[in-house]
Protein backbone atom coordinates (compact mmCIF):
# COMPACT_ATOMS: atom_id res chain seq x y z
CA UNK A 1 152.94 129.58 86.09
CA UNK A 2 152.81 133.36 85.91
CA UNK A 3 155.64 135.85 85.53
CA UNK A 4 155.77 138.41 88.36
CA UNK A 5 157.95 141.56 88.31
CA UNK A 6 159.26 143.16 91.51
CA UNK A 7 162.20 145.11 92.89
CA UNK A 8 165.13 143.24 94.45
CA UNK A 9 165.50 144.24 98.13
CA UNK A 10 169.31 144.14 97.76
CA UNK A 11 170.19 145.91 94.49
CA UNK A 12 166.79 147.57 93.77
CA UNK A 13 166.80 146.33 90.16
CA UNK A 14 163.51 145.16 88.68
CA UNK A 15 163.57 141.39 88.29
CA UNK A 16 160.99 138.75 87.48
CA UNK A 17 160.21 135.26 88.71
CA UNK A 18 157.83 132.59 87.55
CA UNK A 19 155.27 131.93 90.26
CA UNK A 20 153.45 128.62 90.57
CA UNK A 21 149.75 129.42 91.02
CA UNK A 22 148.84 125.78 91.79
CA UNK A 23 150.01 126.06 95.44
CA UNK A 24 148.04 128.46 97.65
CA UNK A 25 150.68 129.33 100.30
CA UNK A 26 154.38 129.44 99.45
CA UNK A 27 157.59 130.56 101.11
CA UNK A 28 161.03 129.91 99.66
CA UNK A 29 164.44 131.47 99.00
CA UNK A 30 165.54 132.42 95.51
CA UNK A 31 168.65 134.30 94.36
CA UNK A 32 168.35 137.63 92.55
CA UNK A 33 169.14 137.21 88.84
CA UNK A 34 171.11 140.50 88.88
CA UNK A 35 173.12 140.61 92.14
CA UNK A 36 172.81 136.91 93.17
CA UNK A 37 171.84 137.74 96.77
CA UNK A 38 169.19 135.55 98.44
CA UNK A 39 165.59 136.79 98.64
CA UNK A 40 162.89 135.33 100.90
CA UNK A 41 159.80 135.02 98.71
CA UNK A 42 156.41 134.64 100.41
CA UNK A 43 153.16 134.58 98.47
CA UNK A 44 149.53 133.69 98.74
CA UNK A 45 147.27 132.51 95.90
CA UNK A 46 143.49 132.36 96.03
CA UNK A 47 141.33 131.18 93.15
CA UNK A 48 144.29 131.44 90.74
CA UNK A 49 144.84 135.09 91.75
CA UNK A 50 147.91 136.48 93.50
CA UNK A 51 146.62 137.89 96.80
CA UNK A 52 149.91 138.80 98.48
CA UNK A 53 153.57 138.84 97.53
CA UNK A 54 156.61 139.71 99.63
CA UNK A 55 160.30 139.80 98.69
CA UNK A 56 162.56 140.34 101.72
CA UNK A 57 166.33 140.47 101.96
CA UNK A 58 168.12 137.74 103.88
CA UNK A 59 171.17 138.76 105.88
CA UNK A 60 174.21 136.67 105.03
């Protein structure tokens, strides 16, 4: 697990999430710890290195 910092696409606050580097392709929804809006998280891991990370807003 690695901590990753990024900007919330809803409130623009910097937040962090723990990313699981044991799974190479991931896509899931997690709520912002500041504004509680849902964020679509998509990431790619290769050789225990974060290759891509995306945090997109989800319309409610």
